[in-house]
Amino acid sequence: MEELLQLEDEIVKMLKTVYDPEIPVNIYDLGLIYGVDMDDEKNVTITMTLTAPACPAADYIMEDVQMKIEAIEGVKSVAVKIVFEPEWHQGLMSEEAKLELGFL
């Protein structure tokens, strides 16, 4: 159990290194990550959204998430699911992200 929690912490740290090229805040603090699920075999499913359905960087962001999570020792596989329900809004951002983007 502790190993899974440690792995989940590593995943969150890695997600904080992924950026939308158009926004100077990582996708985790932007509130784009809706869920990080892992089974007993350490297959990871990342459920996330985008700031807009027609986001031009969608493929780049998904690929970056996939590659960075797969690089974590112990992770067996990664699936990235993009969802648009619930719709992303600024209220999902962390306080740090709001400050960085001038919303506070």
N, C-alpha and C. Protein backbone atom coordinates (compact mmCIF):
# COMPACT_ATOMS: atom_id res chain seq x y z
N MET A 1 0.83 -1.21 0.00
CA MET A 1 0.00 0.00 0.00
C MET A 1 0.87 1.26 0.00
N GLU A 2 1.89 1.26 0.86
CA GLU A 2 2.78 2.42 0.92
C GLU A 2 3.48 2.64 -0.41
N GLU A 3 3.85 1.51 -1.06
CA GLU A 3 4.52 1.60 -2.36
C GLU A 3 3.62 2.27 -3.39
N LEU A 4 2.32 1.93 -3.37
CA LEU A 4 1.37 2.54 -4.31
C LEU A 4 1.21 4.03 -4.04
N LEU A 5 1.18 4.42 -2.76
CA LEU A 5 1.07 5.85 -2.42
C LEU A 5 2.32 6.60 -2.87
N GLN A 6 3.46 5.98 -2.70
CA GLN A 6 4.72 6.60 -3.13
C GLN A 6 4.73 6.76 -4.64
N LEU A 7 4.25 5.75 -5.35
CA LEU A 7 4.18 5.79 -6.81
C LEU A 7 3.21 6.89 -7.25
N GLU A 8 2.09 7.01 -6.54
CA GLU A 8 1.13 8.06 -6.87
C GLU A 8 1.74 9.45 -6.67
N ASP A 9 2.53 9.63 -5.61
CA ASP A 9 3.23 10.90 -5.39
C ASP A 9 4.18 11.20 -6.54
N GLU A 10 4.89 10.16 -7.01
CA GLU A 10 5.80 10.33 -8.14
C GLU A 10 5.04 10.75 -9.40
N ILE A 11 3.88 10.16 -9.59
CA ILE A 11 3.05 10.49 -10.76
C ILE A 11 2.63 11.95 -10.70
N VAL A 12 2.17 12.40 -9.53
CA VAL A 12 1.76 13.81 -9.38
C VAL A 12 2.94 14.74 -9.64
N LYS A 13 4.11 14.40 -9.08
CA LYS A 13 5.30 15.23 -9.32
C LYS A 13 5.60 15.31 -10.82
N MET A 14 5.48 14.18 -11.50
CA MET A 14 5.77 14.16 -12.94
C MET A 14 4.72 14.95 -13.72
N LEU A 15 3.44 14.85 -13.32
CA LEU A 15 2.39 15.62 -14.00
C LEU A 15 2.64 17.12 -13.87
N LYS A 16 3.28 17.52 -12.78
CA LYS A 16 3.58 18.94 -12.57
C LYS A 16 4.73 19.43 -13.45
N THR A 17 5.31 18.53 -14.26
CA THR A 17 6.35 18.94 -15.21
C THR A 17 5.78 19.04 -16.63
N VAL A 18 4.48 18.79 -16.78
CA VAL A 18 3.84 18.86 -18.10
C VAL A 18 3.12 20.20 -18.23
N TYR A 19 3.40 20.91 -19.31
CA TYR A 19 2.81 22.23 -19.53
C TYR A 19 2.08 22.28 -20.86
N ASP A 20 1.00 23.04 -20.88
CA ASP A 20 0.38 23.43 -22.14
C ASP A 20 1.33 24.49 -22.70
N PRO A 21 1.83 24.33 -23.92
CA PRO A 21 2.81 25.29 -24.45
C PRO A 21 2.30 26.73 -24.50
N GLU A 22 0.98 26.93 -24.42
CA GLU A 22 0.43 28.28 -24.50
C GLU A 22 0.19 28.91 -23.12
N ILE A 23 0.37 28.11 -22.05
CA ILE A 23 0.07 28.61 -20.71
C ILE A 23 1.25 28.29 -19.79
N PRO A 24 1.76 29.29 -19.05
CA PRO A 24 2.96 29.07 -18.23
C PRO A 24 2.68 28.40 -16.87
N VAL A 25 1.73 27.49 -16.83
CA VAL A 25 1.38 26.78 -15.59
C VAL A 25 1.23 25.31 -15.95
N ASN A 26 1.68 24.42 -15.05
CA ASN A 26 1.60 22.99 -15.35
C ASN A 26 0.15 22.51 -15.35
N ILE A 27 -0.08 21.38 -16.02
CA ILE A 27 -1.45 20.89 -16.21
C ILE A 27 -2.10 20.45 -14.91
N TYR A 28 -1.29 20.04 -13.93
CA TYR A 28 -1.85 19.62 -12.64
C TYR A 28 -2.42 20.83 -11.90
N ASP A 29 -1.63 21.90 -11.81
CA ASP A 29 -2.11 23.10 -11.12
C ASP A 29 -3.20 23.83 -11.91
N LEU A 30 -3.24 23.61 -13.21
CA LEU A 30 -4.33 24.20 -14.01
C LEU A 30 -5.66 23.51 -13.71
N GLY A 31 -5.60 22.34 -13.08
CA GLY A 31 -6.83 21.60 -12.79
C GLY A 31 -7.28 20.72 -13.93
N LEU A 32 -6.36 20.39 -14.84
CA LEU A 32 -6.72 19.57 -16.00
C LEU A 32 -6.73 18.08 -15.68
N ILE A 33 -6.14 17.70 -14.55
CA ILE A 33 -6.11 16.28 -14.16
C ILE A 33 -7.32 15.99 -13.29
N TYR A 34 -8.21 15.15 -13.77
CA TYR A 34 -9.42 14.79 -13.03
C TYR A 34 -9.23 13.52 -12.20
N GLY A 35 -8.28 12.68 -12.60
CA GLY A 35 -8.07 11.45 -11.84
C GLY A 35 -6.80 10.73 -12.22
N VAL A 36 -6.19 10.11 -11.21
CA VAL A 36 -5.04 9.24 -11.40
C VAL A 36 -5.43 7.92 -10.75
N ASP A 37 -5.62 6.89 -11.56
CA ASP A 37 -6.02 5.58 -11.04
C ASP A 37 -4.95 4.56 -11.36
N MET A 38 -4.73 3.66 -10.42
CA MET A 38 -3.72 2.64 -10.61
C MET A 38 -4.26 1.31 -10.08
N ASP A 39 -4.08 0.25 -10.86
CA ASP A 39 -4.51 -1.06 -10.38
C ASP A 39 -3.35 -1.74 -9.66
N ASP A 40 -3.58 -2.94 -9.18
CA ASP A 40 -2.58 -3.67 -8.41
C ASP A 40 -1.34 -4.03 -9.23
N GLU A 41 -1.48 -4.09 -10.55
CA GLU A 41 -0.33 -4.38 -11.41
C GLU A 41 0.43 -3.11 -11.80
N LYS A 42 -0.02 -1.97 -11.29
CA LYS A 42 0.60 -0.66 -11.55
C LYS A 42 0.39 -0.18 -12.98
N ASN A 43 -0.79 -0.52 -13.53
CA ASN A 43 -1.25 0.06 -14.78
C ASN A 43 -1.94 1.37 -14.39
N VAL A 44 -1.52 2.45 -14.98
CA VAL A 44 -2.01 3.78 -14.60
C VAL A 44 -2.97 4.32 -15.65
N THR A 45 -4.07 4.89 -15.19
CA THR A 45 -5.01 5.59 -16.07
C THR A 45 -5.09 7.03 -15.58
N ILE A 46 -4.77 7.95 -16.48
CA ILE A 46 -4.87 9.37 -16.19
C ILE A 46 -6.12 9.88 -16.89
N THR A 47 -7.06 10.42 -16.12
CA THR A 47 -8.25 11.04 -16.70
C THR A 47 -8.04 12.54 -16.61
N MET A 48 -8.12 13.18 -17.76
CA MET A 48 -7.85 14.61 -17.80
C MET A 48 -8.72 15.31 -18.83
N THR A 49 -8.66 16.62 -18.80
CA THR A 49 -9.38 17.41 -19.77
C THR A 49 -8.42 18.42 -20.37
N LEU A 50 -8.93 19.29 -21.20
CA LEU A 50 -8.16 20.37 -21.81
C LEU A 50 -8.89 21.68 -21.53
N THR A 51 -8.18 22.78 -21.65
CA THR A 51 -8.83 24.07 -21.38
C THR A 51 -9.92 24.37 -22.41
N ALA A 52 -9.80 23.75 -23.60
CA ALA A 52 -10.82 23.92 -24.64
C ALA A 52 -10.83 22.67 -25.51
N PRO A 53 -12.01 22.23 -25.96
CA PRO A 53 -12.08 21.02 -26.79
C PRO A 53 -11.20 21.06 -28.04
N ALA A 54 -11.00 22.24 -28.60
CA ALA A 54 -10.21 22.37 -29.83
C ALA A 54 -8.76 22.78 -29.52
N CYS A 55 -8.27 22.45 -28.34
CA CYS A 55 -6.91 22.81 -27.93
C CYS A 55 -5.90 22.33 -28.98
N PRO A 56 -5.14 23.27 -29.59
CA PRO A 56 -4.19 22.87 -30.62
C PRO A 56 -3.03 22.03 -30.08
N ALA A 57 -2.79 22.07 -28.78
CA ALA A 57 -1.68 21.33 -28.19
C ALA A 57 -2.11 19.99 -27.60
N ALA A 58 -3.34 19.55 -27.85
CA ALA A 58 -3.88 18.34 -27.24
C ALA A 58 -2.98 17.13 -27.44
N ASP A 59 -2.56 16.86 -28.66
CA ASP A 59 -1.72 15.69 -28.94
C ASP A 59 -0.38 15.80 -28.22
N TYR A 60 0.20 16.98 -28.24
CA TYR A 60 1.49 17.20 -27.57
C TYR A 60 1.36 16.94 -26.07
N ILE A 61 0.32 17.47 -25.45
CA ILE A 61 0.12 17.31 -24.00
C ILE A 61 -0.11 15.84 -23.66
N MET A 62 -0.96 15.17 -24.40
CA MET A 62 -1.24 13.75 -24.13
C MET A 62 0.02 12.90 -24.27
N GLU A 63 0.79 13.17 -25.30
CA GLU A 63 2.03 12.42 -25.53
C GLU A 63 3.04 12.68 -24.40
N ASP A 64 3.13 13.94 -23.96
CA ASP A 64 4.04 14.31 -22.89
C ASP A 64 3.64 13.59 -21.59
N VAL A 65 2.34 13.59 -21.28
CA VAL A 65 1.85 12.89 -20.08
C VAL A 65 2.21 11.42 -20.18
N GLN A 66 1.90 10.79 -21.31
CA GLN A 66 2.15 9.37 -21.51
C GLN A 66 3.63 9.03 -21.30
N MET A 67 4.51 9.77 -21.98
CA MET A 67 5.94 9.48 -21.92
C MET A 67 6.50 9.69 -20.51
N LYS A 68 6.10 10.76 -19.85
CA LYS A 68 6.65 11.05 -18.53
C LYS A 68 6.17 10.07 -17.48
N ILE A 69 4.92 9.65 -17.54
CA ILE A 69 4.42 8.69 -16.56
C ILE A 69 5.02 7.30 -16.82
N GLU A 70 5.16 6.94 -18.10
CA GLU A 70 5.78 5.65 -18.44
C GLU A 70 7.23 5.58 -17.96
N ALA A 71 7.90 6.74 -17.86
CA ALA A 71 9.31 6.79 -17.45
C ALA A 71 9.50 6.54 -15.95
N ILE A 72 8.42 6.57 -15.18
CA ILE A 72 8.52 6.36 -13.74
C ILE A 72 8.76 4.87 -13.46
N GLU A 73 9.80 4.60 -12.69
CA GLU A 73 10.12 3.21 -12.36
C GLU A 73 8.97 2.58 -11.59
N GLY A 74 8.56 1.41 -12.04
CA GLY A 74 7.48 0.70 -11.38
C GLY A 74 6.15 0.78 -12.12
N VAL A 75 5.98 1.79 -12.96
CA VAL A 75 4.74 1.91 -13.72
C VAL A 75 4.78 0.92 -14.87
N LYS A 76 3.75 0.09 -14.97
CA LYS A 76 3.71 -0.95 -16.00
C LYS A 76 3.19 -0.39 -17.33
N SER A 77 2.07 0.32 -17.29
CA SER A 77 1.52 0.91 -18.52
C SER A 77 0.74 2.17 -18.16
N VAL A 78 0.49 2.99 -19.18
CA VAL A 78 -0.22 4.25 -18.98
C VAL A 78 -1.30 4.40 -20.05
N ALA A 79 -2.49 4.76 -19.62
CA ALA A 79 -3.57 5.12 -20.54
C ALA A 79 -3.99 6.54 -20.18
N VAL A 80 -4.07 7.40 -21.19
CA VAL A 80 -4.50 8.78 -20.98
C VAL A 80 -5.88 8.93 -21.60
N LYS A 81 -6.86 9.27 -20.76
CA LYS A 81 -8.24 9.47 -21.24
C LYS A 81 -8.58 10.96 -21.18
N ILE A 82 -9.00 11.50 -22.32
CA ILE A 82 -9.44 12.90 -22.37
C ILE A 82 -10.95 12.92 -22.25
N VAL A 83 -11.45 13.73 -21.32
CA VAL A 83 -12.89 13.88 -21.13
C VAL A 83 -13.23 15.37 -21.15
N PHE A 84 -14.46 15.67 -21.47
CA PHE A 84 -14.90 17.08 -21.47
C PHE A 84 -16.08 17.30 -20.54
N GLU A 85 -16.40 16.30 -19.75
CA GLU A 85 -17.43 16.42 -18.71
C GLU A 85 -16.81 16.00 -17.40
N PRO A 86 -16.79 16.77 -16.37
CA PRO A 86 -17.28 18.14 -16.37
C PRO A 86 -16.34 19.05 -17.16
N GLU A 87 -16.91 20.10 -17.67
CA GLU A 87 -16.15 21.07 -18.45
C GLU A 87 -15.15 21.79 -17.54
N TRP A 88 -13.94 22.02 -18.06
CA TRP A 88 -12.92 22.74 -17.29
C TRP A 88 -13.35 24.19 -17.10
N HIS A 89 -13.03 24.75 -15.92
CA HIS A 89 -13.26 26.17 -15.65
C HIS A 89 -12.16 26.66 -14.73
N GLN A 90 -12.00 27.97 -14.63
CA GLN A 90 -10.91 28.56 -13.86
C GLN A 90 -10.94 28.20 -12.38
N GLY A 91 -12.10 27.85 -11.86
CA GLY A 91 -12.22 27.47 -10.46
C GLY A 91 -11.47 26.18 -10.12
N LEU A 92 -11.08 25.40 -11.14
CA LEU A 92 -10.34 24.16 -10.92
C LEU A 92 -8.85 24.40 -10.71
N MET A 93 -8.39 25.60 -10.99
CA MET A 93 -6.97 25.90 -10.86
C MET A 93 -6.55 26.03 -9.40
N SER A 94 -5.29 25.68 -9.12
CA SER A 94 -4.74 25.86 -7.77
C SER A 94 -4.57 27.36 -7.52
N GLU A 95 -4.42 27.71 -6.25
CA GLU A 95 -4.18 29.11 -5.91
C GLU A 95 -2.92 29.63 -6.60
N GLU A 96 -1.88 28.79 -6.67
CA GLU A 96 -0.62 29.17 -7.31
C GLU A 96 -0.85 29.48 -8.79
N ALA A 97 -1.65 28.67 -9.45
CA ALA A 97 -1.93 28.89 -10.87
C ALA A 97 -2.70 30.19 -11.07
N LYS A 98 -3.69 30.42 -10.21
CA LYS A 98 -4.47 31.66 -10.32
C LYS A 98 -3.57 32.88 -10.12
N LEU A 99 -2.66 32.79 -9.17
CA LEU A 99 -1.74 33.89 -8.91
C LEU A 99 -0.82 34.10 -10.10
N GLU A 100 -0.26 33.02 -10.63
CA GLU A 100 0.66 33.08 -11.77
C GLU A 100 -0.01 33.71 -12.99
N LEU A 101 -1.28 33.39 -13.19
CA LEU A 101 -2.00 33.88 -14.37
C LEU A 101 -2.74 35.19 -14.12
N GLY A 102 -2.59 35.76 -12.92
CA GLY A 102 -3.17 37.06 -12.62
C GLY A 102 -4.66 37.03 -12.28
N PHE A 103 -5.18 35.89 -11.82
CA PHE A 103 -6.59 35.81 -11.46
C PHE A 103 -6.83 36.15 -10.00
N LEU A 104 -5.77 36.38 -9.22
CA LEU A 104 -5.92 36.73 -7.81
C LEU A 104 -5.38 38.13 -7.58
